[in-house]
Protein backbone atom coordinates (compact mmCIF):
# COMPACT_ATOMS: atom_id res chain seq x y z
CA MET A 1 0.00 0.00 0.00
CA ALA A 2 1.39 3.41 -0.92
CA TRP A 3 1.80 5.89 1.90
CA ALA A 4 3.73 9.07 2.62
CA VAL A 5 6.05 9.73 5.55
CA PHE A 6 6.88 13.23 6.77
CA GLY A 7 10.46 14.20 7.65
CA LEU A 8 11.65 17.44 9.24
CA SER A 9 12.85 18.57 5.82
CA GLY A 10 9.16 18.98 4.88
CA LEU A 11 8.67 21.85 7.35
CA LYS A 12 8.64 25.36 5.98
CA ALA A 13 10.49 28.07 7.93
CA VAL A 14 9.82 26.59 11.34
CA SER A 15 10.86 28.58 14.38
CA CYS A 16 12.94 27.17 17.22
CA VAL A 17 9.75 26.71 19.26
CA THR A 18 8.08 24.93 16.35
CA LYS A 19 11.03 22.57 16.07
CA GLN A 20 10.64 21.68 19.69
CA PHE A 21 6.97 20.85 19.19
CA ALA A 22 7.86 18.86 16.10
CA LEU A 23 10.17 16.85 18.32
CA VAL A 24 7.40 16.44 20.92
CA SER A 25 5.21 15.04 18.19
CA GLY A 26 7.89 12.54 17.18
CA ILE A 27 8.12 13.53 13.53
CA MET A 28 10.76 11.48 11.79
CA THR A 29 14.23 12.95 11.36
CA GLU A 30 15.73 13.93 8.04
CA SER A 31 18.24 11.13 8.27
CA ASN A 32 15.91 8.15 8.46
CA GLY A 33 12.32 9.22 7.65
CA THR A 34 10.95 5.98 9.10
CA LEU A 35 8.40 5.02 11.71
CA PRO A 36 9.27 2.97 14.77
CA ALA A 37 7.82 -0.53 14.94
CA LYS A 38 6.58 -0.25 18.54
CA GLN A 39 5.18 2.44 20.82
CA TYR A 40 3.99 3.11 24.37
CA ALA A 41 0.22 3.13 24.89
CA VAL A 42 -2.34 3.06 27.69
CA GLN A 43 -4.95 0.41 26.98
CA LEU A 44 -8.28 -0.31 28.61
CA VAL A 45 -8.70 -4.08 28.37
CA GLY A 46 -11.80 -4.55 30.54
CA PRO A 47 -13.93 -2.78 33.16
CA ASP A 48 -11.56 -0.86 35.45
CA GLN A 49 -8.57 -2.61 33.85
CA LEU A 50 -5.92 -0.17 32.64
CA ALA A 51 -2.53 -1.31 31.40
CA ILE A 52 0.57 0.32 29.93
CA ASN A 53 1.63 -1.47 26.78
CA ARG A 54 5.28 -0.66 26.11
CA ALA A 55 5.35 -2.56 22.82
CA LYS A 56 2.10 -1.78 21.00
CA ASP A 57 2.50 -2.02 17.22
CA VAL A 58 2.71 1.21 15.23
CA PRO A 59 0.43 0.52 12.27
CA GLN A 60 1.08 1.51 8.70
CA PRO A 61 -1.86 3.40 7.19
CA LYS A 62 -4.11 1.66 4.71
CA SER A 63 -5.38 3.56 1.66
CA HIS A 64 -7.89 5.80 3.47
CA GLU A 65 -6.05 6.02 6.78
CA ILE A 66 -4.11 8.79 8.50
CA LEU A 67 -1.32 8.21 11.01
CA ALA A 68 -0.67 11.00 13.49
CA LYS A 69 1.89 11.46 16.27
CA VAL A 70 0.26 12.62 19.50
CA GLU A 71 1.80 15.73 21.06
CA ALA A 72 -0.31 16.03 24.21
CA VAL A 73 -3.47 14.57 25.77
CA GLY A 74 -5.69 15.94 28.50
CA LEU A 75 -7.32 13.51 30.93
CA CYS A 76 -11.06 13.86 31.33
CA PHE A 77 -13.71 12.79 33.83
CA SER A 78 -15.54 11.21 30.88
CA ASP A 79 -12.67 8.75 30.59
CA LEU A 80 -13.83 7.34 33.93
CA LYS A 81 -17.26 6.49 32.55
CA LEU A 82 -15.58 4.38 29.88
CA LEU A 83 -13.21 2.95 32.49
CA LYS A 84 -16.08 1.73 34.67
CA GLN A 85 -18.57 0.72 31.98
CA PHE A 86 -16.19 -0.47 29.24
CA ASP A 87 -18.22 -2.45 26.67
CA GLN A 88 -21.48 -1.35 28.34
CA HIS A 89 -20.77 2.30 27.52
CA ALA A 90 -23.08 3.57 24.77
CA ARG A 91 -20.13 4.96 22.78
CA LYS A 92 -18.13 1.72 23.00
CA SER A 93 -20.81 -0.35 21.27
CA GLU A 94 -20.94 -1.22 17.59
CA ILE A 95 -21.86 1.36 14.97
CA VAL A 96 -25.28 0.65 13.48
CA SER A 97 -25.59 3.38 10.84
CA GLY A 98 -23.73 6.12 8.99
CA ILE A 99 -21.00 4.03 7.38
CA GLU A 100 -20.88 0.87 5.28
CA PRO A 101 -20.10 -2.29 7.28
CA ASP A 102 -17.36 -3.39 4.88
CA VAL A 103 -15.65 0.00 5.26
CA LEU A 104 -15.90 -0.24 9.02
CA ALA A 105 -14.45 -3.74 9.08
CA ASP A 106 -11.33 -2.50 7.30
CA ILE A 107 -10.49 0.28 9.78
CA GLN A 108 -7.62 -0.71 12.06
CA SER A 109 -8.59 1.57 14.96
CA TYR A 110 -12.24 0.45 15.20
CA VAL A 111 -12.52 -1.46 18.49
CA PRO A 112 -16.18 -1.86 19.54
CA GLY A 113 -17.54 -4.01 22.32
CA ALA A 114 -15.08 -5.97 24.43
CA LYS A 115 -12.05 -5.24 22.23
CA PRO A 116 -9.26 -3.39 24.08
CA THR A 117 -9.24 0.34 23.36
CA VAL A 118 -7.00 3.32 23.98
CA PRO A 119 -8.75 6.12 25.89
CA GLY A 120 -7.99 9.81 25.61
CA HIS A 121 -9.93 12.31 23.52
CA GLU A 122 -8.50 15.74 24.40
CA LEU A 123 -5.49 16.02 22.15
CA VAL A 124 -3.39 17.72 19.55
CA CYS A 125 -1.44 15.67 17.02
CA ARG A 126 0.59 15.96 13.84
CA ILE A 127 -0.04 13.93 10.70
CA VAL A 128 3.06 11.90 9.88
CA ALA A 129 1.78 9.48 7.25
CA VAL A 130 -1.26 9.06 4.99
CA GLY A 131 -2.63 6.36 2.72
CA ASP A 132 -2.69 6.86 -1.02
CA ALA A 133 -6.47 7.50 -1.14
CA VAL A 134 -6.43 10.27 1.48
CA GLN A 135 -7.55 13.54 -0.12
CA ARG A 136 -8.36 16.14 2.56
CA HIS A 137 -5.47 15.68 4.99
CA LYS A 138 -1.80 16.38 4.43
CA VAL A 139 1.38 15.09 5.98
CA GLY A 140 2.83 17.70 8.31
CA GLU A 141 -0.46 19.24 9.43
CA ARG A 142 -0.81 19.94 13.13
CA CYS A 143 -4.38 19.19 14.19
CA LEU A 144 -6.85 19.61 17.01
CA VAL A 145 -9.14 16.57 17.25
CA GLN A 146 -12.93 16.77 17.39
CA THR A 147 -13.94 13.43 18.81
CA ASP A 148 -17.74 13.13 18.58
CA TYR A 149 -18.62 11.36 15.32
CA ARG A 150 -22.25 12.47 15.19
CA ASP A 151 -22.96 10.95 11.77
CA LEU A 152 -22.01 7.48 13.04
CA LYS A 153 -24.67 6.09 15.37
CA THR A 154 -24.45 3.34 17.94
CA ALA A 155 -27.59 1.85 19.44
CA GLY A 156 -27.63 4.44 22.22
CA SER A 157 -25.30 7.28 21.21
CA ASN A 158 -22.66 8.34 18.70
CA ALA A 159 -19.38 6.74 17.81
CA ALA A 160 -16.40 8.54 19.31
CA PHE A 161 -12.63 8.79 19.24
CA GLY A 162 -11.25 7.28 22.43
CA TYR A 163 -14.20 4.93 22.80
CA ASN A 164 -15.10 2.57 19.94
CA PHE A 165 -12.22 4.08 17.97
CA GLU A 166 -8.80 4.10 19.62
CA GLY A 167 -7.90 7.40 21.25
CA GLY A 168 -4.88 9.50 22.06
CA LEU A 169 -3.12 7.94 25.06
CA GLN A 170 -0.48 6.46 22.77
CA GLU A 171 2.38 7.85 20.74
CA TYR A 172 0.81 7.20 17.36
CA VAL A 173 -2.88 7.05 16.52
CA ILE A 174 -4.45 5.95 13.28
CA MET A 175 -7.70 7.38 11.91
CA ASP A 176 -9.73 6.82 8.75
CA GLU A 177 -10.53 9.81 6.56
CA ARG A 178 -14.04 8.47 5.93
CA VAL A 179 -14.66 8.69 9.68
CA VAL A 180 -12.94 12.00 10.45
CA THR A 181 -14.76 13.86 7.68
CA ASP A 182 -18.48 14.42 8.23
CA SER A 183 -21.33 14.29 5.72
CA LYS A 184 -20.94 18.01 4.99
CA GLY A 185 -17.23 17.64 4.24
CA GLU A 186 -16.10 19.22 7.53
CA ARG A 187 -12.91 17.85 9.04
CA PHE A 188 -12.78 16.46 12.56
CA LEU A 189 -9.02 17.07 12.41
CA ILE A 190 -8.90 20.86 12.64
CA PRO A 191 -5.62 22.43 11.42
CA VAL A 192 -3.94 24.64 14.02
CA GLU A 193 -1.02 27.05 14.00
CA GLU A 194 2.46 26.36 15.34
CA ASP A 195 2.58 29.27 17.81
CA GLN A 196 0.54 27.71 20.63
CA SER A 197 1.71 25.10 23.12
CA ALA A 198 0.49 21.54 22.69
CA SER A 199 -1.26 21.72 26.05
CA ALA A 200 -3.17 24.90 25.12
CA ILE A 201 -4.48 23.31 21.93
CA ALA A 202 -5.29 19.94 23.50
CA LEU A 203 -7.42 21.69 26.13
CA VAL A 204 -9.56 23.37 23.49
CA GLU A 205 -11.68 20.18 23.47
CA PRO A 206 -12.85 20.29 27.12
CA TRP A 207 -13.19 24.05 26.97
CA ALA A 208 -15.34 23.58 23.86
CA CYS A 209 -17.69 21.34 25.87
CA VAL A 210 -18.06 24.21 28.33
CA GLU A 211 -18.53 26.67 25.48
CA ASP A 212 -21.21 24.49 23.93
CA SER A 213 -23.30 24.75 27.07
CA TYR A 214 -23.39 28.54 26.67
CA VAL A 215 -23.73 28.95 22.90
CA ASN A 216 -25.92 25.96 22.02
CA GLU A 217 -29.04 27.32 20.29
CA GLU A 218 -32.28 26.38 21.98
CA ARG A 219 -35.52 25.62 20.13
CA ASN A 220 -38.39 27.89 21.17
CA THR A 221 -41.17 26.61 18.91
CA ILE A 222 -42.96 23.34 18.27
CA ARG A 223 -40.68 21.33 16.00
CA SER A 224 -41.58 21.73 12.34
CA GLY A 225 -42.08 18.32 10.76
CA GLY A 226 -41.92 16.64 14.17
CA ARG A 227 -44.35 14.67 16.29
CA LEU A 228 -46.64 16.50 18.70
CA LEU A 229 -48.69 15.01 21.52
CA VAL A 230 -51.45 17.12 23.09
CA VAL A 231 -52.99 15.98 26.38
CA ALA A 232 -55.84 18.03 27.89
CA ALA A 233 -57.75 17.58 31.15
CA SER A 234 -61.49 18.13 31.27
CA GLY A 235 -62.64 21.73 31.21
CA ARG A 236 -59.41 23.08 29.71
CA LYS A 237 -59.23 24.91 26.40
CA VAL A 238 -56.31 24.04 24.11
CA ARG A 239 -54.95 27.47 23.26
CA GLY A 240 -51.81 28.93 21.73
CA ILE A 241 -50.75 25.84 19.79
CA GLU A 242 -50.74 27.25 16.27
CA ASN A 243 -48.90 30.38 17.44
CA ALA A 244 -46.13 28.12 18.75
CA PHE A 245 -45.48 26.46 15.36
CA GLY A 246 -42.02 27.00 13.92
CA SER A 247 -41.33 29.16 10.87
CA ASN A 248 -40.83 26.05 8.74
CA GLY A 249 -44.36 24.87 9.34
CA PRO A 250 -46.42 22.67 11.66
CA PRO A 251 -45.49 19.25 13.01
CA ALA A 252 -45.88 16.31 10.66
CA GLU A 253 -48.08 14.41 13.12
CA ILE A 254 -50.40 15.40 15.92
CA HIS A 255 -51.65 12.86 18.44
CA TYR A 256 -54.07 13.78 21.19
CA ALA A 257 -55.62 12.51 24.38
CA CYS A 258 -58.42 14.97 25.17
CA ALA A 259 -61.18 14.73 27.73
CA ASP A 260 -63.67 17.02 25.96
CA SER A 261 -65.06 16.96 22.41
CA GLY A 262 -64.47 20.70 22.03
CA GLN A 263 -60.76 20.18 22.58
CA VAL A 264 -60.72 17.58 19.81
CA GLU A 265 -62.51 19.94 17.43
CA GLU A 266 -59.85 22.61 17.97
CA LEU A 267 -57.05 20.16 17.21
CA LEU A 268 -58.75 18.82 14.10
CA LYS A 269 -58.86 22.37 12.77
CA LEU A 270 -55.07 22.40 13.01
CA ASP A 271 -54.69 18.94 11.51
CA PRO A 272 -57.68 16.97 10.16
CA LEU A 273 -55.52 13.84 10.31
CA ALA A 274 -54.72 14.20 14.00
CA GLN A 275 -54.98 10.84 15.75
CA ALA A 276 -56.64 10.02 19.06
CA VAL A 277 -54.72 8.20 21.81
CA VAL A 278 -56.68 5.89 24.10
CA ASP A 279 -54.04 4.92 26.66
CA LEU A 280 -51.01 7.15 27.29
CA SER A 281 -49.10 4.38 28.99
CA GLN A 282 -49.20 2.30 25.79
CA LEU A 283 -47.50 4.95 23.68
CA LYS A 284 -43.97 4.24 22.56
CA ASP A 285 -41.31 5.74 24.84
CA GLU A 286 -39.20 8.66 23.59
CA ALA A 287 -41.52 9.13 20.62
CA TYR A 288 -42.47 12.82 20.69
CA ASP A 289 -40.64 16.04 19.89
CA ASP A 290 -43.16 18.14 21.80
CA ILE A 291 -45.70 17.26 24.47
CA LEU A 292 -48.29 19.82 25.54
CA TYR A 293 -50.14 19.06 28.76
CA PHE A 294 -53.08 21.26 29.66
CA GLY A 295 -53.59 20.05 33.22
CA THR A 296 -52.17 19.58 36.70
CA GLU A 297 -52.18 15.83 37.42
CA ARG A 298 -48.83 14.52 38.66
CA ASP A 299 -49.56 10.93 37.59
CA VAL A 300 -50.17 12.06 34.03
CA LEU A 301 -46.88 13.98 33.99
CA ASN A 302 -44.99 10.98 35.33
CA VAL A 303 -46.29 8.91 32.41
CA LEU A 304 -45.56 11.62 29.85
CA ASN A 305 -41.94 11.96 31.01
CA ASP A 306 -41.02 8.69 29.29
CA LYS A 307 -42.71 9.65 26.02
CA LEU A 308 -40.46 12.66 25.40
CA GLY A 309 -37.95 12.03 22.64
CA LYS A 310 -34.36 13.19 22.24
CA GLY A 311 -34.33 16.97 22.02
CA GLY A 312 -37.99 17.03 23.03
CA ILE A 313 -39.82 19.75 24.94
CA MET A 314 -42.38 19.08 27.68
CA ASN A 315 -44.70 22.08 27.99
CA VAL A 316 -47.03 22.17 31.01
CA ILE A 317 -49.87 24.69 30.81
CA LEU A 318 -51.30 24.98 34.32
CA GLY A 319 -54.16 27.33 33.49
CA GLY A 320 -54.13 28.90 36.92
CA GLY A 321 -53.98 25.58 38.76
CA ARG A 322 -51.23 23.81 40.69
CA ILE A 323 -49.79 20.31 40.71
CA ASP A 324 -49.15 20.42 44.47
CA ALA A 325 -46.97 17.32 44.41
CA PRO A 326 -43.43 16.45 43.28
CA VAL A 327 -43.08 15.33 39.67
CA SER A 328 -40.58 12.64 38.65
CA ILE A 329 -38.53 14.39 35.96
CA GLY A 330 -35.83 12.71 33.87
CA VAL A 331 -33.00 15.00 34.96
CA GLY A 332 -30.40 12.75 33.35
CA ARG A 333 -32.00 13.13 29.95
CA ILE A 334 -31.93 16.94 30.22
CA HIS A 335 -28.15 16.60 29.87
CA TYR A 336 -27.73 13.54 27.65
CA GLY A 337 -31.02 13.65 25.76
CA LEU A 338 -31.25 17.44 25.43
CA THR A 339 -34.84 17.32 26.74
CA ARG A 340 -36.43 20.45 28.16
CA TRP A 341 -39.26 21.09 30.67
CA ILE A 342 -41.10 24.39 30.42
CA GLY A 343 -44.46 25.68 31.55
CA THR A 344 -46.77 28.57 32.24
CA GLN A 345 -49.29 29.44 34.92
CA GLY A 346 -51.41 30.89 32.13
CA LEU A 347 -53.72 29.35 29.53
CA ARG A 348 -51.69 29.31 26.31
CA ALA A 349 -48.98 26.94 25.09
CA ASP A 350 -47.10 29.67 23.21
CA GLU A 351 -46.46 31.58 26.46
CA SER A 352 -44.05 28.88 27.66
CA TYR A 353 -42.14 28.64 24.39
CA ALA A 354 -41.65 32.41 24.41
CA MET A 355 -39.75 32.14 27.71
CA ILE A 356 -37.02 29.88 26.29
CA PRO A 357 -33.76 31.83 25.90
CA LYS A 358 -32.01 31.81 22.55
CA THR A 359 -28.94 30.18 24.11
CA GLY A 360 -27.61 29.26 27.55
CA GLU A 361 -25.29 32.29 27.57
CA ILE A 362 -24.94 34.44 30.66
CA ARG A 363 -26.33 37.98 30.52
CA ALA A 364 -25.28 41.40 31.75
CA ASN A 365 -25.58 41.83 35.54
CA GLU A 366 -25.80 38.07 35.95
CA HIS A 367 -25.40 36.66 39.46
CA VAL A 368 -23.81 33.28 38.69
CA LEU A 369 -23.44 30.27 40.97
CA VAL A 370 -21.08 27.46 39.92
CA VAL A 371 -21.69 24.39 42.07
CA GLY A 372 -18.53 22.29 42.24
CA ALA A 373 -16.29 25.11 41.06
CA GLY A 374 -13.05 23.59 42.36
CA GLY A 375 -12.87 20.72 39.87
CA PRO A 376 -11.44 20.92 36.33
CA MET A 377 -14.71 21.69 34.54
CA GLY A 378 -15.98 23.93 37.34
CA GLN A 379 -12.82 26.01 37.05
CA MET A 380 -13.47 26.43 33.34
CA HIS A 381 -16.99 27.69 33.97
CA VAL A 382 -15.75 30.20 36.53
CA LEU A 383 -12.90 31.46 34.35
CA ARG A 384 -15.07 31.64 31.23
CA ASN A 385 -17.82 33.64 32.93
CA LEU A 386 -15.33 36.06 34.47
CA SER A 387 -13.79 36.55 31.02
CA THR A 388 -16.94 37.60 29.12
CA GLY A 389 -16.45 41.31 29.72
CA LEU A 390 -20.19 41.74 30.32
CA PRO A 391 -21.05 44.50 32.80
CA GLY A 392 -22.15 43.70 36.32
CA VAL A 393 -21.23 40.01 36.34
CA SER A 394 -20.63 38.34 39.71
CA VAL A 395 -19.59 34.73 40.11
CA VAL A 396 -19.91 32.59 43.23
CA GLY A 397 -18.07 29.27 43.13
CA THR A 398 -18.62 26.55 45.72
CA ASP A 399 -16.68 23.45 46.72
CA PHE A 400 -15.90 21.38 49.82
CA ASP A 401 -12.11 21.56 49.44
CA ASN A 402 -10.18 24.69 50.45
CA ASP A 403 -7.06 23.63 48.55
CA ARG A 404 -9.05 23.36 45.34
CA LEU A 405 -10.71 26.71 45.97
CA ASN A 406 -7.38 28.39 46.75
CA GLY A 407 -5.94 26.99 43.53
CA LEU A 408 -8.88 28.40 41.61
CA ARG A 409 -8.60 31.74 43.41
CA LYS A 410 -5.03 32.24 42.14
CA LYS A 411 -6.24 31.73 38.58
CA ALA A 412 -9.54 33.58 38.80
CA GLU A 413 -8.81 36.74 40.80
CA PRO A 414 -6.58 38.36 38.13
CA ILE A 415 -9.23 37.65 35.48
CA ALA A 416 -11.98 39.08 37.69
CA ARG A 417 -9.98 42.28 38.25
CA GLN A 418 -9.19 42.60 34.57
CA ASN A 419 -12.88 42.32 33.62
CA ASP A 420 -14.31 44.30 36.55
CA ALA A 421 -16.25 41.24 37.71
CA ARG A 422 -16.93 40.11 41.27
CA LEU A 423 -15.73 36.74 42.56
CA ASP A 424 -16.60 34.85 45.73
CA LEU A 425 -15.28 31.32 46.33
CA VAL A 426 -16.97 29.49 49.17
CA ASN A 427 -16.43 26.23 51.04
CA THR A 428 -20.06 25.46 51.81
CA GLN A 429 -19.05 23.31 54.78
CA GLU A 430 -17.81 26.51 56.40
CA ARG A 431 -20.15 29.16 55.00
CA GLN A 432 -23.45 29.00 53.16
CA VAL A 433 -24.03 31.01 50.00
CA THR A 434 -27.01 33.30 49.70
CA GLY A 435 -29.12 33.69 46.61
CA PRO A 436 -31.14 34.10 44.66
CA PHE A 437 -29.00 33.45 41.60
CA SER A 438 -29.96 34.33 38.06
CA TYR A 439 -27.68 31.64 36.55
CA ILE A 440 -26.67 28.33 38.14
CA ALA A 441 -24.20 25.85 36.63
CA ILE A 442 -24.05 22.40 38.23
CA MET A 443 -20.79 20.44 37.98
CA ALA A 444 -21.62 17.44 40.18
CA PRO A 445 -23.86 14.63 38.79
CA VAL A 446 -26.18 14.74 41.80
CA PRO A 447 -29.93 15.02 41.06
CA ALA A 448 -30.67 16.64 44.41
CA LEU A 449 -28.48 19.58 43.38
CA VAL A 450 -30.86 20.28 40.51
CA ALA A 451 -33.79 20.50 42.91
CA LYS A 452 -31.74 22.75 45.21
CA ALA A 453 -30.84 24.98 42.27
CA VAL A 454 -34.53 25.61 41.61
CA GLU A 455 -34.95 26.69 45.24
CA ASP A 456 -31.98 29.08 44.95
CA ALA A 457 -33.01 30.46 41.57
CA ALA A 458 -34.18 34.00 40.90
CA PRO A 459 -37.18 34.61 38.62
CA GLY A 460 -36.17 33.93 35.02
CA ALA A 461 -33.08 31.98 36.06
CA ILE A 462 -31.14 29.71 33.72
CA ILE A 463 -30.02 26.41 35.27
CA ASN A 464 -27.19 24.71 33.38
CA ILE A 465 -27.11 20.98 34.24
CA PHE A 466 -23.57 20.53 32.97
CA ALA A 467 -22.71 17.41 34.94
CA GLY A 468 -23.58 14.12 33.28
CA ILE A 469 -26.27 12.68 35.52
CA PRO A 470 -26.84 9.16 34.08
CA ALA A 471 -29.48 9.32 31.36
CA PRO A 472 -32.05 6.98 33.01
CA VAL A 473 -32.05 8.88 36.32
CA LYS A 474 -35.23 10.66 37.41
CA HIS A 475 -35.72 12.88 40.42
CA ASP A 476 -38.73 14.34 42.20
CA MET A 477 -38.90 18.04 41.35
CA ASP A 478 -41.13 20.93 42.37
CA LEU A 479 -42.52 21.66 38.91
CA ASP A 480 -44.86 24.30 40.33
CA MET A 481 -41.82 26.26 41.52
CA ILE A 482 -40.00 25.83 38.20
CA ILE A 483 -43.00 27.21 36.34
CA GLU A 484 -43.75 29.97 38.86
CA LYS A 485 -40.15 31.22 38.72
CA ARG A 486 -39.98 30.75 34.92
CA CYS A 487 -36.74 28.78 35.33
CA PHE A 488 -35.16 27.27 32.25
CA LEU A 489 -33.40 23.96 32.94
CA PHE A 490 -31.10 22.76 30.19
CA GLY A 491 -28.08 20.59 29.57
CA THR A 492 -25.67 19.79 26.77
CA SER A 493 -23.27 16.93 26.09
CA GLY A 494 -20.02 17.17 24.16
CA SER A 495 -19.15 19.85 21.64
CA SER A 496 -19.31 20.59 17.93
CA ILE A 497 -16.68 21.71 15.46
CA ARG A 498 -18.18 25.20 15.72
CA ASP A 499 -17.64 25.23 19.49
CA MET A 500 -14.03 24.19 19.06
CA MET A 501 -13.44 26.93 16.50
CA ILE A 502 -14.89 29.52 18.91
CA VAL A 503 -12.53 28.45 21.69
CA LEU A 504 -9.58 28.09 19.33
CA GLU A 505 -10.09 31.66 18.14
CA LYS A 506 -10.18 32.88 21.76
CA VAL A 507 -6.91 31.07 22.47
CA GLN A 508 -5.14 32.31 19.34
CA THR A 509 -6.19 35.93 19.97
CA GLY A 510 -5.17 35.82 23.63
CA ARG A 511 -8.69 36.25 25.03
CA LEU A 512 -8.55 32.90 26.81
CA SER A 513 -5.74 30.89 28.36
CA THR A 514 -6.72 27.23 28.37
CA ASN A 515 -3.39 26.53 30.10
CA ALA A 516 -4.88 28.11 33.22
CA SER A 517 -6.63 24.76 33.70
CA VAL A 518 -3.42 22.71 33.99
CA ASP A 519 -2.56 21.34 37.44
CA ALA A 520 -0.17 18.50 36.56
CA ILE A 521 1.87 17.01 33.73
CA SER A 522 2.84 13.42 33.05
CA GLY A 523 4.48 10.99 30.69
CA MET A 524 3.12 7.56 29.86
CA ALA A 525 4.40 6.01 33.09
CA GLY A 526 2.13 8.32 35.08
CA ALA A 527 -0.92 8.25 32.81
CA THR A 528 -2.78 5.57 34.74
CA ASP A 529 -1.99 7.39 38.00
CA GLY A 530 -3.39 10.48 36.34
CA ILE A 531 -6.65 8.74 35.50
CA ARG A 532 -6.92 7.56 39.11
CA ALA A 533 -6.24 11.13 40.27
CA VAL A 534 -9.18 12.28 38.17
CA GLU A 535 -11.27 9.49 39.69
CA ASN A 536 -10.30 10.39 43.24
CA ARG A 537 -10.40 14.15 42.60
CA THR A 538 -6.96 14.62 44.12
CA LEU A 539 -6.07 17.37 41.64
CA ALA A 540 -8.25 20.39 41.01
CA GLY A 541 -7.30 21.12 37.41
CA LYS A 542 -6.41 19.28 34.24
CA ILE A 543 -3.64 16.71 33.79
CA ILE A 544 -1.67 16.88 30.54
CA VAL A 545 0.05 13.70 29.32
CA TYR A 546 2.95 13.90 26.87
CA PRO A 547 3.05 10.40 25.31
CA CYS A 548 6.62 10.70 24.07
CA LEU A 549 7.81 11.02 27.69
CA HIS A 550 7.92 7.30 28.31
CA GLU A 551 8.99 6.97 31.92
CA THR A 552 7.95 10.31 33.39
CA GLY A 553 5.42 9.93 36.18
CA LEU A 554 2.56 12.14 37.28
CA ILE A 555 3.90 15.49 38.55
CA PRO A 556 1.65 18.19 40.04
CA LEU A 557 2.85 21.66 39.06
CA SER A 558 3.33 22.41 42.75
CA GLU A 559 6.00 19.66 42.85
CA LEU A 560 7.57 20.37 39.47
CA LYS A 561 10.66 22.04 40.95
CA ASP A 562 11.63 18.76 42.62
CA HIS A 563 11.71 16.96 39.28
CA PHE A 564 12.40 19.55 36.58
CA PRO A 565 13.65 22.75 38.24
CA THR A 566 14.38 24.57 34.99
CA VAL A 567 10.88 23.75 33.76
CA ALA A 568 9.41 25.06 37.02
CA ASP A 569 11.30 28.31 36.46
CA LYS A 570 9.24 28.83 33.29
CA LEU A 571 5.90 28.78 35.11
CA GLU A 572 4.08 32.10 35.53
CA ASP A 573 2.42 32.57 38.91
CA GLY A 574 2.50 28.80 39.22
CA GLN A 575 0.67 28.28 35.93
CA TRP A 576 1.72 26.13 32.99
CA THR A 577 3.11 27.99 29.97
CA ALA A 578 4.34 27.37 26.46
CA ALA A 579 7.87 28.16 27.66
CA ALA A 580 7.59 25.52 30.39
CA GLU A 581 6.42 22.96 27.86
CA GLN A 582 9.28 23.83 25.53
CA GLU A 583 11.80 23.46 28.37
CA LEU A 584 10.28 20.11 29.37
CA VAL A 585 10.76 18.84 25.84
CA ARG A 586 14.27 20.25 25.62
CA GLN A 587 15.59 18.28 28.58
CA SER A 588 13.33 15.24 28.57
CA ASP A 589 13.95 11.69 27.46
CA CYS A 590 11.67 12.44 24.51
CA HIS A 591 13.99 15.20 23.33
CA ARG A 592 17.06 13.00 23.64
CA ARG A 593 15.41 10.22 21.64
CA THR A 594 14.33 12.41 18.75
CA GLU A 595 17.21 14.84 18.39
């Protein structure tokens, strides 16, 4: 099979810093231009079974395949879900649509089910070899990796890099161009410039997940061409439905379960083919894009919860009444299924849709609460919201660990001063926070925190359920309070190419330092310790793994001077920098092997 290999002679006018990063990425030297036969890799071979393979084969690319050398990988809490669930994880299962089976069978890195995989999905890499049929990717390109293959569906999710395709915790990773190019021709390998550190680029991926939760566009109409279910209690008029239709037209199907004949007549005016439903419990689960309930019965709502489809909206029109009992709401699906619960105390369905914000972005004069602010993702939410430049923003971050909060304070206070924002970091075991809050972001996957957020919310509050509460989980919620306060509960999962480009632009223009998230660095020898540190929450920020550093263990930045004193000298206010990364490469075993 024909394939191209990139040597250093192929670089154009690289700077000294760029050469160092080229060496980090393991690009072949001018003298030999060859790939090694073996490499170091972290492999997940079963549930909670991590192993370092010091002799994993380095594959040669087939016709459509791309071989890249990994520069740096960030460790993520999502890696733990794969670690614990392994072949039961929805993204580790077999792909059922979006690609031809014979194509899939030929891809070397496709490892569904119980096959060992390589985790790691926050990375930057450089293409070092391509197959002869590769058209959109070039040898020598430095790339940020978008890992969510949304065109390729498993039974319960999407395919993903680092799950059912091998990920980045290895020196070399192979990808297929037919997988890393979407149906619109967009590349999942996003070219990046040479002037940013590997760590800064690798961390664009987790920051993009945070960004997605703020810029994701919310639907505020009944889905055009979708499926609508209308349920109405006796004595209620079904109002405001047509006014809630989207600009692209009405739903394709309307089903109804109405107590009064007059309600049916109104719906048949909208759609003469609307179909009656006899028994709500017999309806297929997750079947509807929109459910309108004109009523107040908790038992009805508990049944309807399961009928809401992915991306669906549950709209409860109370008509002046009250439920007066907790409602079992699928809080896990708000995050993973992008479902939404809205409502009005009034009479019309369109009133609720009108309250949905365009996005989950914070607003001027926002009083923000970040629950679980001391962890890696919580830190990102705090730093991002302080960096918006919006007037009147105040951010309260809570955690149980003073060390984590103090670490965040060092990073956040300069940003708060620079943007004239207020910051208050609180250990809630020592001091309680006082609301109400107009924006609440929840970092811990604890359903009770969602209920507490509603209690602490101001009128019109946005509640960002960022933590991944398991999709099947339900929790009793005070829906009366949610509706009375006009709270909007939402969640997002993962990121898009657009989100990554937004964050990348912020990094390249100096408006955001993703390196502020770094708390430790590691080579391959410390990668499994790093994953356990994420599991045990022993480090507040992100851990960056440099795969070419074979025998370097996990080193918190606070201990860096004991291991690499000249690297520690390149930190700025204790934070990781491009200069520190360059110095690490200069004196490391990786540098000695590749120079």
